[in-house]
Each structure stands twice: as C-alpha cells, then as structure tokens.
C-alpha cells in the first residue's frame, strides 16, 4: 500500500518532495475499538497530550478491572465519580453519550465498520454529544486505517498545505477539498504528509 500510495501522490511535485523528505507514511489501523477511540478523543479535546493521558489514566483507575471501562460501566458510574478523573461536566456528558450509543449499537464495532463507508460512519456518529466530523475523521484514519479521508477543517492540514505549496494564506476547507481530489484514493496519506510539513514549519520557528 505504501509504495502504491507514494507513486500516486508523487504525481504532485510538492507531495513528491514531502515523500522524499519524510519517507514512507506509517499509517496503519490502530488497536482500539471505535467506542474506546471516541472516548479517548474526548479526553484529548482542548488539552495537550500529557494532560489528556494523565486524565485517562485516572479515568481507567476508577474501575476495578484496570482496563478501559466498558460502555455499561461508564453508564453505571455517577457523573461526580467520573469528574474526579479531571473531566469537565461537558466531557462527562459526552463520555456517557458515547457509552449509551455504544450499548444501543449505534457506535459500531470494528467488524461492523468493515461494511460501512466513511460517510456512513460520519453520519452515524456525529449526532453523539461532543463528537464532531473531525473527531470521526481521526477515528477513520488512525483507528480504522481508512486511506481516503481528507480532514479539511484540520488546522494542521491546512497550515501544512500553506507551507508546502508556498501560499500566503491557508486554504479554505472548500478549496482544500477541491485540490485534494487529485490525491484520491490516498487522501489520508496526503494529510499525513501535510501534518509533517506543518510540524517542520513550527519547529523552524522555535
């Protein structure tokens, strides 16, 4: 897959340069279930990685199994107990809504996701409190390993495009979506390279 995606994206001269600079894209399906991935994403919202990991560790420690809690366990837990991990009221509400939708079968298992198109998964999950399109796109890319997702609202992707393509301003989501048509069916891989471009630019100014 990596070689095929690289050959396809390298038709774009800018992408070809990013591929040479950063090497093969390591994207691969993650190990978490969609339920766990969404719950973890809630913890990371508006926090840096270290703070989110600390809260997640406290959250898991609230439950006797020592493993990530099941949806039923989260639903049964009092909100005040979950807040002791460091979650805001809004995040507790989101965690419980994710758990409720998982129990009801709305949040699909990894196996069930195989039969669902990307947009079908987005439409199914975005009604959940606290879960927006971007959150589901991250699930598609990093948990399910979907190769053709372009998160056009992502700041890093848009900034990476601006830097890599020598633009004065970041593209609008609509403009980036239109440009990204040429990267199909490997838009997730293109996004990974744009994130790398944004990271390079940020490090250069530090």
N, C-alpha and C. Protein backbone atom coordinates (compact mmCIF):
# COMPACT_ATOMS: atom_id res chain seq x y z
N UNK A 1 0.83 -1.20 0.00
CA UNK A 1 0.00 0.00 0.00
C UNK A 1 0.86 1.24 0.00
N UNK A 2 1.89 1.27 0.84
CA UNK A 2 2.70 2.47 0.97
C UNK A 2 3.34 2.85 -0.35
N UNK A 3 3.88 1.85 -1.04
CA UNK A 3 4.54 2.13 -2.31
C UNK A 3 3.53 2.62 -3.34
N UNK A 4 2.36 2.00 -3.37
CA UNK A 4 1.32 2.40 -4.32
C UNK A 4 0.85 3.82 -4.03
N UNK A 5 0.62 4.14 -2.75
CA UNK A 5 0.19 5.48 -2.38
C UNK A 5 1.27 6.50 -2.72
N UNK A 6 2.52 6.17 -2.46
CA UNK A 6 3.62 7.10 -2.75
C UNK A 6 3.70 7.38 -4.24
N UNK A 7 3.60 6.34 -5.06
CA UNK A 7 3.67 6.54 -6.51
C UNK A 7 2.54 7.43 -6.99
N UNK A 8 1.35 7.20 -6.42
CA UNK A 8 0.20 8.01 -6.84
C UNK A 8 0.36 9.46 -6.43
N UNK A 9 0.73 9.69 -5.17
CA UNK A 9 0.85 11.06 -4.67
C UNK A 9 2.03 11.79 -5.31
N UNK A 10 3.06 11.05 -5.68
CA UNK A 10 4.26 11.68 -6.25
C UNK A 10 4.01 12.31 -7.62
N UNK A 11 2.84 12.08 -8.19
CA UNK A 11 2.49 12.80 -9.42
C UNK A 11 2.37 14.29 -9.16
N UNK A 12 2.09 14.63 -7.91
CA UNK A 12 2.05 16.03 -7.47
C UNK A 12 3.48 16.38 -7.03
N UNK A 13 4.14 17.33 -7.70
CA UNK A 13 5.54 17.63 -7.38
C UNK A 13 5.78 18.00 -5.92
N UNK A 14 4.85 18.73 -5.32
CA UNK A 14 5.03 19.11 -3.91
C UNK A 14 4.95 17.88 -3.02
N UNK A 15 3.99 17.03 -3.27
CA UNK A 15 3.89 15.79 -2.50
C UNK A 15 5.13 14.93 -2.70
N UNK A 16 5.65 14.92 -3.91
CA UNK A 16 6.86 14.14 -4.18
C UNK A 16 8.01 14.61 -3.28
N UNK A 17 8.12 15.93 -3.11
CA UNK A 17 9.15 16.46 -2.23
C UNK A 17 8.94 16.08 -0.78
N UNK A 18 7.68 16.10 -0.33
CA UNK A 18 7.38 15.72 1.05
C UNK A 18 7.67 14.24 1.29
N UNK A 19 7.38 13.43 0.30
CA UNK A 19 7.64 11.98 0.43
C UNK A 19 9.15 11.73 0.53
N UNK A 20 9.92 12.43 -0.28
CA UNK A 20 11.38 12.27 -0.21
C UNK A 20 11.92 12.73 1.14
N UNK A 21 11.34 13.77 1.67
CA UNK A 21 11.83 14.32 2.94
C UNK A 21 11.47 13.44 4.13
N UNK A 22 10.25 12.92 4.13
CA UNK A 22 9.74 12.24 5.33
C UNK A 22 9.66 10.72 5.19
N UNK A 23 9.92 10.21 4.01
CA UNK A 23 9.92 8.76 3.84
C UNK A 23 8.52 8.17 3.80
N UNK A 24 8.42 6.84 3.92
CA UNK A 24 7.12 6.17 3.82
C UNK A 24 6.16 6.59 4.93
N UNK A 25 4.91 6.68 4.59
CA UNK A 25 3.88 7.02 5.57
C UNK A 25 3.58 5.78 6.42
N UNK A 26 3.60 5.91 7.76
CA UNK A 26 3.40 4.74 8.63
C UNK A 26 1.95 4.47 9.02
N UNK A 27 0.99 5.13 8.38
CA UNK A 27 -0.41 4.94 8.79
C UNK A 27 -0.81 3.47 8.74
N UNK A 28 -1.46 3.03 9.80
CA UNK A 28 -1.95 1.66 9.89
C UNK A 28 -3.11 1.64 10.88
N UNK A 29 -4.01 0.67 10.77
CA UNK A 29 -5.13 0.62 11.72
C UNK A 29 -4.63 0.52 13.16
N UNK A 30 -5.33 1.22 14.06
CA UNK A 30 -4.99 1.16 15.48
C UNK A 30 -5.58 -0.06 16.15
N UNK A 31 -5.37 -0.16 17.46
CA UNK A 31 -5.81 -1.34 18.20
C UNK A 31 -7.12 -1.13 18.95
N UNK A 32 -7.53 0.14 19.15
CA UNK A 32 -8.71 0.40 19.96
C UNK A 32 -9.99 0.13 19.19
N UNK A 33 -11.05 -0.14 19.93
CA UNK A 33 -12.38 -0.22 19.34
C UNK A 33 -12.86 1.19 19.01
N UNK A 34 -13.82 1.36 18.12
CA UNK A 34 -14.37 2.70 17.87
C UNK A 34 -14.88 3.37 19.14
N UNK A 35 -15.53 2.61 20.01
CA UNK A 35 -16.02 3.17 21.28
C UNK A 35 -14.86 3.74 22.10
N UNK A 36 -13.79 2.97 22.26
CA UNK A 36 -12.66 3.44 23.06
C UNK A 36 -11.96 4.61 22.39
N UNK A 37 -11.82 4.56 21.07
CA UNK A 37 -11.15 5.65 20.35
C UNK A 37 -11.91 6.96 20.50
N UNK A 38 -13.24 6.90 20.40
CA UNK A 38 -14.05 8.12 20.57
C UNK A 38 -13.93 8.65 22.00
N UNK A 39 -13.97 7.76 22.97
CA UNK A 39 -13.87 8.18 24.38
C UNK A 39 -12.52 8.83 24.65
N UNK A 40 -11.47 8.26 24.13
CA UNK A 40 -10.14 8.82 24.30
C UNK A 40 -10.04 10.18 23.61
N UNK A 41 -10.69 10.31 22.46
CA UNK A 41 -10.66 11.59 21.74
C UNK A 41 -11.30 12.70 22.56
N UNK A 42 -12.35 12.36 23.29
CA UNK A 42 -13.00 13.36 24.16
C UNK A 42 -12.02 13.86 25.21
N UNK A 43 -11.24 12.94 25.78
CA UNK A 43 -10.25 13.33 26.80
C UNK A 43 -9.22 14.29 26.23
N UNK A 44 -8.89 14.12 24.96
CA UNK A 44 -7.84 14.94 24.34
C UNK A 44 -8.35 16.30 23.87
N UNK A 45 -9.64 16.49 23.79
CA UNK A 45 -10.16 17.76 23.28
C UNK A 45 -9.69 18.92 24.15
N UNK A 46 -9.08 19.92 23.53
CA UNK A 46 -8.65 21.17 24.18
C UNK A 46 -7.58 20.96 25.26
N UNK A 47 -6.87 19.84 25.20
CA UNK A 47 -5.80 19.57 26.15
C UNK A 47 -4.56 19.11 25.41
N UNK A 48 -3.38 19.33 26.01
CA UNK A 48 -2.18 18.76 25.40
C UNK A 48 -2.13 17.26 25.71
N UNK A 49 -1.30 16.56 24.99
CA UNK A 49 -1.27 15.11 25.10
C UNK A 49 -0.97 14.59 26.49
N UNK A 50 -0.03 15.22 27.18
CA UNK A 50 0.36 14.74 28.51
C UNK A 50 -0.78 14.90 29.51
N UNK A 51 -1.46 16.04 29.48
CA UNK A 51 -2.59 16.26 30.40
C UNK A 51 -3.71 15.26 30.13
N UNK A 52 -3.99 15.03 28.85
CA UNK A 52 -5.05 14.08 28.48
C UNK A 52 -4.71 12.67 28.94
N UNK A 53 -3.45 12.26 28.79
CA UNK A 53 -3.05 10.92 29.22
C UNK A 53 -3.15 10.76 30.73
N UNK A 54 -2.85 11.82 31.46
CA UNK A 54 -2.98 11.78 32.93
C UNK A 54 -4.44 11.56 33.33
N UNK A 55 -5.34 12.30 32.69
CA UNK A 55 -6.76 12.17 32.99
C UNK A 55 -7.27 10.79 32.60
N UNK A 56 -6.82 10.28 31.46
CA UNK A 56 -7.25 8.95 31.03
C UNK A 56 -6.78 7.88 32.02
N UNK A 57 -5.57 8.03 32.52
CA UNK A 57 -5.06 7.05 33.49
C UNK A 57 -5.92 7.08 34.76
N UNK A 58 -6.29 8.28 35.21
CA UNK A 58 -7.17 8.39 36.39
C UNK A 58 -8.54 7.79 36.10
N UNK A 59 -9.04 8.04 34.90
CA UNK A 59 -10.35 7.51 34.48
C UNK A 59 -10.35 5.99 34.54
N UNK A 60 -9.35 5.37 33.95
CA UNK A 60 -9.26 3.90 33.95
C UNK A 60 -9.13 3.37 35.37
N UNK A 61 -8.38 4.10 36.22
CA UNK A 61 -8.17 3.66 37.61
C UNK A 61 -9.44 3.70 38.45
N UNK A 62 -10.46 4.40 37.97
CA UNK A 62 -11.73 4.45 38.69
C UNK A 62 -12.47 3.11 38.65
N UNK A 63 -12.07 2.24 37.73
CA UNK A 63 -12.80 0.99 37.52
C UNK A 63 -11.93 -0.19 37.95
N UNK A 64 -12.52 -1.19 38.59
CA UNK A 64 -11.74 -2.27 39.21
C UNK A 64 -10.99 -3.17 38.23
N UNK A 65 -11.41 -3.24 36.98
CA UNK A 65 -10.77 -4.16 36.04
C UNK A 65 -9.35 -3.75 35.69
N UNK A 66 -9.04 -2.46 35.84
CA UNK A 66 -7.72 -1.98 35.44
C UNK A 66 -7.58 -1.81 33.95
N UNK A 67 -8.66 -2.06 33.22
CA UNK A 67 -8.66 -1.88 31.77
C UNK A 67 -9.64 -0.77 31.41
N UNK A 68 -9.63 -0.37 30.15
CA UNK A 68 -10.55 0.68 29.74
C UNK A 68 -11.98 0.22 30.00
N UNK A 69 -12.80 1.04 30.66
CA UNK A 69 -14.13 0.59 31.08
C UNK A 69 -15.06 0.31 29.90
N UNK A 70 -15.93 -0.63 30.12
CA UNK A 70 -16.94 -0.95 29.11
C UNK A 70 -17.98 0.17 29.04
N UNK A 71 -18.73 0.24 27.95
CA UNK A 71 -19.81 1.24 27.90
C UNK A 71 -20.79 1.10 29.06
N UNK A 72 -21.13 -0.13 29.42
CA UNK A 72 -22.08 -0.33 30.52
C UNK A 72 -21.52 0.21 31.84
N UNK A 73 -20.22 0.03 32.06
CA UNK A 73 -19.60 0.51 33.29
C UNK A 73 -19.61 2.04 33.34
N UNK A 74 -19.37 2.68 32.21
CA UNK A 74 -19.39 4.14 32.17
C UNK A 74 -20.81 4.66 32.42
N UNK A 75 -21.79 4.00 31.83
CA UNK A 75 -23.18 4.41 32.05
C UNK A 75 -23.58 4.27 33.51
N UNK A 76 -23.09 3.22 34.16
CA UNK A 76 -23.47 2.97 35.56
C UNK A 76 -22.76 3.90 36.52
N UNK A 77 -21.63 4.48 36.13
CA UNK A 77 -20.85 5.34 37.03
C UNK A 77 -21.53 6.69 37.22
N UNK A 78 -21.49 7.18 38.42
CA UNK A 78 -22.02 8.51 38.70
C UNK A 78 -21.15 9.57 38.03
N UNK A 79 -21.80 10.64 37.58
CA UNK A 79 -21.06 11.72 36.93
C UNK A 79 -20.02 12.32 37.86
N UNK A 80 -20.37 12.43 39.14
CA UNK A 80 -19.41 13.00 40.10
C UNK A 80 -18.16 12.14 40.22
N UNK A 81 -18.32 10.84 40.09
CA UNK A 81 -17.17 9.93 40.15
C UNK A 81 -16.28 10.13 38.93
N UNK A 82 -16.88 10.26 37.75
CA UNK A 82 -16.09 10.47 36.54
C UNK A 82 -15.37 11.80 36.57
N UNK A 83 -15.99 12.79 37.18
CA UNK A 83 -15.37 14.10 37.24
C UNK A 83 -14.11 14.09 38.10
N UNK A 84 -14.01 13.13 39.02
CA UNK A 84 -12.81 13.04 39.86
C UNK A 84 -11.56 12.74 39.04
N UNK A 85 -11.75 12.19 37.85
CA UNK A 85 -10.60 11.92 36.98
C UNK A 85 -10.05 13.21 36.38
N UNK A 86 -10.87 14.26 36.39
CA UNK A 86 -10.44 15.53 35.81
C UNK A 86 -11.26 15.99 34.62
N UNK A 87 -12.34 15.26 34.33
CA UNK A 87 -13.20 15.64 33.20
C UNK A 87 -14.13 16.78 33.59
N UNK A 88 -14.39 17.66 32.65
CA UNK A 88 -15.41 18.70 32.83
C UNK A 88 -16.79 18.07 32.75
N UNK A 89 -17.80 18.83 33.15
CA UNK A 89 -19.17 18.33 33.03
C UNK A 89 -19.51 17.99 31.59
N UNK A 90 -19.08 18.85 30.65
CA UNK A 90 -19.38 18.62 29.24
C UNK A 90 -18.73 17.33 28.74
N UNK A 91 -17.51 17.06 29.20
CA UNK A 91 -16.83 15.83 28.77
C UNK A 91 -17.46 14.59 29.39
N UNK A 92 -17.92 14.71 30.64
CA UNK A 92 -18.62 13.58 31.25
C UNK A 92 -19.90 13.29 30.48
N UNK A 93 -20.61 14.34 30.10
CA UNK A 93 -21.83 14.14 29.31
C UNK A 93 -21.50 13.45 27.98
N UNK A 94 -20.41 13.87 27.35
CA UNK A 94 -20.01 13.26 26.08
C UNK A 94 -19.63 11.79 26.28
N UNK A 95 -18.86 11.49 27.32
CA UNK A 95 -18.46 10.11 27.58
C UNK A 95 -19.68 9.21 27.80
N UNK A 96 -20.64 9.72 28.55
CA UNK A 96 -21.83 8.92 28.81
C UNK A 96 -22.69 8.76 27.55
N UNK A 97 -22.70 9.79 26.70
CA UNK A 97 -23.48 9.68 25.47
C UNK A 97 -22.82 8.70 24.49
N UNK A 98 -21.49 8.71 24.44
CA UNK A 98 -20.78 7.71 23.62
C UNK A 98 -21.09 6.31 24.13
N UNK A 99 -21.03 6.14 25.46
CA UNK A 99 -21.31 4.83 26.06
C UNK A 99 -22.73 4.38 25.76
N UNK A 100 -23.68 5.32 25.89
CA UNK A 100 -25.08 4.97 25.62
C UNK A 100 -25.27 4.53 24.17
N UNK A 101 -24.67 5.26 23.26
CA UNK A 101 -24.81 4.90 21.84
C UNK A 101 -24.08 3.59 21.53
N UNK A 102 -23.01 3.30 22.28
CA UNK A 102 -22.32 2.02 22.08
C UNK A 102 -23.20 0.86 22.55
N UNK A 103 -23.83 1.03 23.71
CA UNK A 103 -24.73 -0.01 24.22
C UNK A 103 -25.90 -0.24 23.27
N UNK A 104 -26.37 0.84 22.66
CA UNK A 104 -27.50 0.74 21.74
C UNK A 104 -27.10 0.25 20.35
N UNK A 105 -25.80 0.10 20.13
CA UNK A 105 -25.34 -0.41 18.84
C UNK A 105 -25.11 0.65 17.78
N UNK A 106 -25.26 1.90 18.16
CA UNK A 106 -25.04 2.98 17.19
C UNK A 106 -23.54 3.13 16.89
N UNK A 107 -22.72 3.07 17.94
CA UNK A 107 -21.27 3.05 17.73
C UNK A 107 -20.91 1.64 17.27
N UNK A 108 -20.46 1.48 16.05
CA UNK A 108 -20.23 0.13 15.52
C UNK A 108 -18.94 -0.49 16.07
N UNK A 109 -18.90 -1.79 16.05
CA UNK A 109 -17.66 -2.50 16.36
C UNK A 109 -16.71 -2.35 15.18
N UNK A 110 -15.45 -2.72 15.37
CA UNK A 110 -14.50 -2.69 14.26
C UNK A 110 -15.00 -3.58 13.12
N UNK A 111 -15.54 -4.72 13.49
CA UNK A 111 -16.02 -5.66 12.46
C UNK A 111 -17.17 -5.05 11.67
N UNK A 112 -18.10 -4.41 12.38
CA UNK A 112 -19.25 -3.80 11.69
C UNK A 112 -18.81 -2.66 10.79
N UNK A 113 -17.73 -1.97 11.16
CA UNK A 113 -17.24 -0.85 10.35
C UNK A 113 -16.80 -1.28 8.96
N UNK A 114 -16.40 -2.53 8.83
CA UNK A 114 -15.91 -3.01 7.53
C UNK A 114 -16.99 -2.89 6.45
N UNK A 115 -18.24 -2.96 6.87
CA UNK A 115 -19.34 -2.90 5.90
C UNK A 115 -19.86 -1.48 5.70
N UNK A 116 -19.26 -0.50 6.39
CA UNK A 116 -19.76 0.87 6.33
C UNK A 116 -18.79 1.78 5.61
N UNK A 117 -19.31 2.62 4.72
CA UNK A 117 -18.50 3.62 4.04
C UNK A 117 -18.12 4.73 5.01
N UNK A 118 -17.10 5.49 4.66
CA UNK A 118 -16.63 6.57 5.53
C UNK A 118 -17.75 7.52 5.90
N UNK A 119 -18.48 8.00 4.90
CA UNK A 119 -19.54 8.98 5.17
C UNK A 119 -20.66 8.39 6.01
N UNK A 120 -20.92 7.10 5.83
CA UNK A 120 -21.95 6.45 6.65
C UNK A 120 -21.55 6.44 8.12
N UNK A 121 -20.27 6.21 8.39
CA UNK A 121 -19.78 6.22 9.77
C UNK A 121 -19.85 7.64 10.33
N UNK A 122 -19.48 8.63 9.53
CA UNK A 122 -19.56 10.02 9.97
C UNK A 122 -21.00 10.40 10.31
N UNK A 123 -21.93 10.07 9.44
CA UNK A 123 -23.34 10.40 9.67
C UNK A 123 -23.88 9.68 10.90
N UNK A 124 -23.40 8.50 11.15
CA UNK A 124 -23.88 7.70 12.28
C UNK A 124 -23.37 8.22 13.62
N UNK A 125 -22.15 8.76 13.64
CA UNK A 125 -21.53 9.10 14.92
C UNK A 125 -21.63 10.58 15.29
N UNK A 126 -21.76 11.47 14.34
CA UNK A 126 -21.76 12.89 14.67
C UNK A 126 -22.97 13.36 15.48
N UNK A 127 -24.11 12.65 15.50
CA UNK A 127 -25.17 13.09 16.41
C UNK A 127 -24.84 12.90 17.90
N UNK A 128 -23.79 12.14 18.21
CA UNK A 128 -23.41 11.92 19.60
C UNK A 128 -22.85 13.21 20.18
N UNK A 129 -23.24 13.52 21.40
CA UNK A 129 -22.78 14.75 22.04
C UNK A 129 -21.25 14.77 22.13
N UNK A 130 -20.65 15.87 21.69
CA UNK A 130 -19.21 16.04 21.78
C UNK A 130 -18.43 15.43 20.63
N UNK A 131 -19.11 14.76 19.72
CA UNK A 131 -18.43 14.09 18.60
C UNK A 131 -18.75 14.85 17.32
N UNK A 132 -17.76 15.52 16.76
CA UNK A 132 -17.95 16.24 15.51
C UNK A 132 -17.32 15.49 14.35
N UNK A 133 -17.43 16.07 13.19
CA UNK A 133 -16.90 15.43 11.99
C UNK A 133 -15.40 15.17 12.11
N UNK A 134 -14.66 16.16 12.62
CA UNK A 134 -13.21 15.99 12.74
C UNK A 134 -12.86 14.79 13.62
N UNK A 135 -13.57 14.63 14.73
CA UNK A 135 -13.31 13.51 15.63
C UNK A 135 -13.51 12.19 14.91
N UNK A 136 -14.56 12.09 14.12
CA UNK A 136 -14.81 10.84 13.40
C UNK A 136 -13.78 10.64 12.30
N UNK A 137 -13.35 11.72 11.68
CA UNK A 137 -12.30 11.59 10.65
C UNK A 137 -11.01 11.05 11.26
N UNK A 138 -10.66 11.49 12.47
CA UNK A 138 -9.48 10.95 13.14
C UNK A 138 -9.66 9.46 13.44
N UNK A 139 -10.87 9.08 13.82
CA UNK A 139 -11.20 7.66 14.04
C UNK A 139 -11.00 6.87 12.76
N UNK A 140 -11.49 7.40 11.66
CA UNK A 140 -11.38 6.72 10.37
C UNK A 140 -9.92 6.51 9.98
N UNK A 141 -9.11 7.55 10.18
CA UNK A 141 -7.71 7.48 9.76
C UNK A 141 -6.88 6.62 10.70
N UNK A 142 -6.93 6.93 12.00
CA UNK A 142 -5.96 6.35 12.93
C UNK A 142 -6.43 5.08 13.63
N UNK A 143 -7.74 4.85 13.69
CA UNK A 143 -8.24 3.61 14.29
C UNK A 143 -8.62 2.59 13.24
N UNK A 144 -9.32 3.04 12.20
CA UNK A 144 -9.79 2.10 11.19
C UNK A 144 -8.86 1.99 9.99
N UNK A 145 -7.87 2.89 9.90
CA UNK A 145 -6.91 2.79 8.81
C UNK A 145 -7.48 3.11 7.45
N UNK A 146 -8.51 3.95 7.40
CA UNK A 146 -9.09 4.33 6.11
C UNK A 146 -8.12 5.26 5.38
N UNK A 147 -7.93 4.99 4.11
CA UNK A 147 -6.87 5.66 3.35
C UNK A 147 -7.31 6.91 2.60
N UNK A 148 -8.60 7.16 2.51
CA UNK A 148 -9.04 8.24 1.64
C UNK A 148 -9.89 9.27 2.39
N UNK A 149 -9.36 9.76 3.51
CA UNK A 149 -10.06 10.75 4.32
C UNK A 149 -9.21 12.02 4.34
N UNK A 150 -9.80 13.14 3.96
CA UNK A 150 -9.08 14.42 4.00
C UNK A 150 -9.79 15.34 4.99
N UNK A 151 -9.23 15.53 6.18
CA UNK A 151 -9.87 16.39 7.19
C UNK A 151 -9.63 17.87 6.89
N UNK A 152 -10.46 18.43 6.03
CA UNK A 152 -10.23 19.78 5.51
C UNK A 152 -10.40 20.88 6.56
N UNK A 153 -11.03 20.56 7.69
CA UNK A 153 -11.19 21.55 8.76
C UNK A 153 -10.02 21.54 9.74
N UNK A 154 -9.11 20.60 9.57
CA UNK A 154 -7.99 20.47 10.49
C UNK A 154 -6.98 21.58 10.27
N UNK A 155 -6.64 22.29 11.35
CA UNK A 155 -5.71 23.42 11.24
C UNK A 155 -4.36 22.96 10.69
N UNK A 156 -3.84 21.84 11.22
CA UNK A 156 -2.53 21.38 10.80
C UNK A 156 -2.48 21.01 9.33
N UNK A 157 -3.52 20.38 8.82
CA UNK A 157 -3.56 20.02 7.40
C UNK A 157 -3.59 21.27 6.53
N UNK A 158 -4.41 22.22 6.92
CA UNK A 158 -4.50 23.46 6.13
C UNK A 158 -3.21 24.28 6.21
N UNK A 159 -2.59 24.32 7.41
CA UNK A 159 -1.33 25.04 7.55
C UNK A 159 -0.21 24.32 6.78
N UNK A 160 -0.22 22.99 6.85
CA UNK A 160 0.78 22.24 6.09
C UNK A 160 0.67 22.49 4.60
N UNK A 161 -0.55 22.60 4.12
CA UNK A 161 -0.75 22.91 2.69
C UNK A 161 -0.19 24.29 2.38
N UNK A 162 -0.48 25.25 3.24
CA UNK A 162 0.01 26.62 3.01
C UNK A 162 1.53 26.64 2.92
N UNK A 163 2.17 25.96 3.86
CA UNK A 163 3.63 25.94 3.90
C UNK A 163 4.21 25.20 2.70
N UNK A 164 3.71 23.99 2.47
CA UNK A 164 4.28 23.14 1.43
C UNK A 164 4.09 23.72 0.03
N UNK A 165 2.95 24.37 -0.18
CA UNK A 165 2.64 24.88 -1.52
C UNK A 165 2.96 26.36 -1.67
N UNK A 166 3.60 26.93 -0.65
CA UNK A 166 4.07 28.30 -0.75
C UNK A 166 2.97 29.33 -0.87
N UNK A 167 1.86 29.10 -0.17
CA UNK A 167 0.74 30.04 -0.21
C UNK A 167 0.88 31.06 0.93
N UNK A 168 0.35 32.24 0.71
CA UNK A 168 0.40 33.29 1.74
C UNK A 168 -0.62 33.02 2.84
N UNK A 169 -1.74 32.43 2.49
CA UNK A 169 -2.79 32.15 3.46
C UNK A 169 -3.18 30.68 3.39
N UNK A 170 -3.75 30.18 4.48
CA UNK A 170 -4.24 28.81 4.49
C UNK A 170 -5.45 28.69 3.57
N UNK A 171 -5.60 27.57 2.89
CA UNK A 171 -6.76 27.39 2.01
C UNK A 171 -8.05 27.26 2.84
N UNK A 172 -9.15 27.63 2.24
CA UNK A 172 -10.43 27.36 2.88
C UNK A 172 -10.69 25.85 2.81
N UNK A 173 -11.54 25.34 3.68
CA UNK A 173 -11.87 23.92 3.56
C UNK A 173 -12.38 23.54 2.17
N UNK A 174 -13.19 24.41 1.58
CA UNK A 174 -13.73 24.12 0.25
C UNK A 174 -12.62 24.04 -0.79
N UNK A 175 -11.68 24.99 -0.73
CA UNK A 175 -10.58 24.99 -1.69
C UNK A 175 -9.68 23.78 -1.49
N UNK A 176 -9.42 23.41 -0.24
CA UNK A 176 -8.57 22.25 0.02
C UNK A 176 -9.24 20.96 -0.44
N UNK A 177 -10.55 20.88 -0.22
CA UNK A 177 -11.28 19.69 -0.67
C UNK A 177 -11.19 19.55 -2.18
N UNK A 178 -11.32 20.66 -2.89
CA UNK A 178 -11.25 20.62 -4.36
C UNK A 178 -9.85 20.22 -4.81
N UNK A 179 -8.83 20.80 -4.20
CA UNK A 179 -7.46 20.46 -4.60
C UNK A 179 -7.16 18.99 -4.30
N UNK A 180 -7.70 18.52 -3.17
CA UNK A 180 -7.42 17.16 -2.75
C UNK A 180 -8.02 16.08 -3.62
N UNK A 181 -8.87 16.45 -4.56
CA UNK A 181 -9.43 15.45 -5.47
C UNK A 181 -8.33 14.69 -6.20
N UNK A 182 -7.22 15.36 -6.47
CA UNK A 182 -6.14 14.72 -7.22
C UNK A 182 -5.40 13.69 -6.39
N UNK A 183 -5.60 13.71 -5.06
CA UNK A 183 -4.90 12.75 -4.20
C UNK A 183 -5.70 11.46 -3.99
N UNK A 184 -6.94 11.43 -4.41
CA UNK A 184 -7.73 10.21 -4.26
C UNK A 184 -7.01 9.05 -4.93
N UNK A 185 -7.08 7.85 -4.38
CA UNK A 185 -7.79 7.40 -3.17
C UNK A 185 -6.89 7.33 -1.94
N UNK A 186 -5.92 8.24 -1.85
CA UNK A 186 -4.97 8.20 -0.73
C UNK A 186 -4.91 9.55 -0.02
N UNK A 187 -6.07 10.14 0.22
CA UNK A 187 -6.07 11.46 0.84
C UNK A 187 -5.66 11.43 2.31
N UNK A 188 -5.86 10.32 3.00
CA UNK A 188 -5.37 10.21 4.38
C UNK A 188 -3.85 10.29 4.40
N UNK A 189 -3.23 9.65 3.44
CA UNK A 189 -1.76 9.65 3.36
C UNK A 189 -1.28 11.07 3.04
N UNK A 190 -1.97 11.75 2.12
CA UNK A 190 -1.63 13.14 1.81
C UNK A 190 -1.74 14.00 3.06
N UNK A 191 -2.79 13.80 3.85
CA UNK A 191 -2.96 14.57 5.09
C UNK A 191 -1.79 14.33 6.03
N UNK A 192 -1.31 13.09 6.12
CA UNK A 192 -0.18 12.78 6.99
C UNK A 192 1.05 13.59 6.58
N UNK A 193 1.30 13.70 5.29
CA UNK A 193 2.44 14.48 4.82
C UNK A 193 2.24 15.98 5.07
N UNK A 194 1.01 16.45 4.97
CA UNK A 194 0.76 17.86 5.27
C UNK A 194 0.96 18.15 6.76
N UNK A 195 0.59 17.22 7.61
CA UNK A 195 0.87 17.38 9.04
C UNK A 195 2.37 17.47 9.29
N UNK A 196 3.15 16.67 8.55
CA UNK A 196 4.60 16.73 8.70
C UNK A 196 5.14 18.09 8.26
N UNK A 197 4.59 18.63 7.17
CA UNK A 197 5.03 19.94 6.69
C UNK A 197 4.75 21.01 7.73
N UNK A 198 3.58 20.95 8.34
CA UNK A 198 3.23 21.93 9.38
C UNK A 198 4.16 21.79 10.59
N UNK A 199 4.50 20.57 10.96
CA UNK A 199 5.39 20.34 12.10
C UNK A 199 6.78 20.89 11.81
N UNK A 200 7.26 20.68 10.58
CA UNK A 200 8.58 21.21 10.20
C UNK A 200 8.61 22.73 10.34
N UNK A 201 7.55 23.37 9.85
CA UNK A 201 7.49 24.84 9.90
C UNK A 201 7.44 25.33 11.33
N UNK A 202 6.71 24.62 12.18
CA UNK A 202 6.60 25.03 13.58
C UNK A 202 7.95 24.89 14.29
N UNK A 203 8.65 23.80 14.03
CA UNK A 203 9.96 23.61 14.66
C UNK A 203 10.97 24.67 14.19
N UNK A 204 10.83 25.10 12.95
CA UNK A 204 11.76 26.07 12.38
C UNK A 204 11.65 27.43 13.06
N UNK A 205 10.50 27.69 13.69
CA UNK A 205 10.30 28.99 14.34
C UNK A 205 10.55 28.93 15.85
N UNK A 206 10.82 27.75 16.37
CA UNK A 206 11.02 27.61 17.82
C UNK A 206 12.44 28.02 18.23
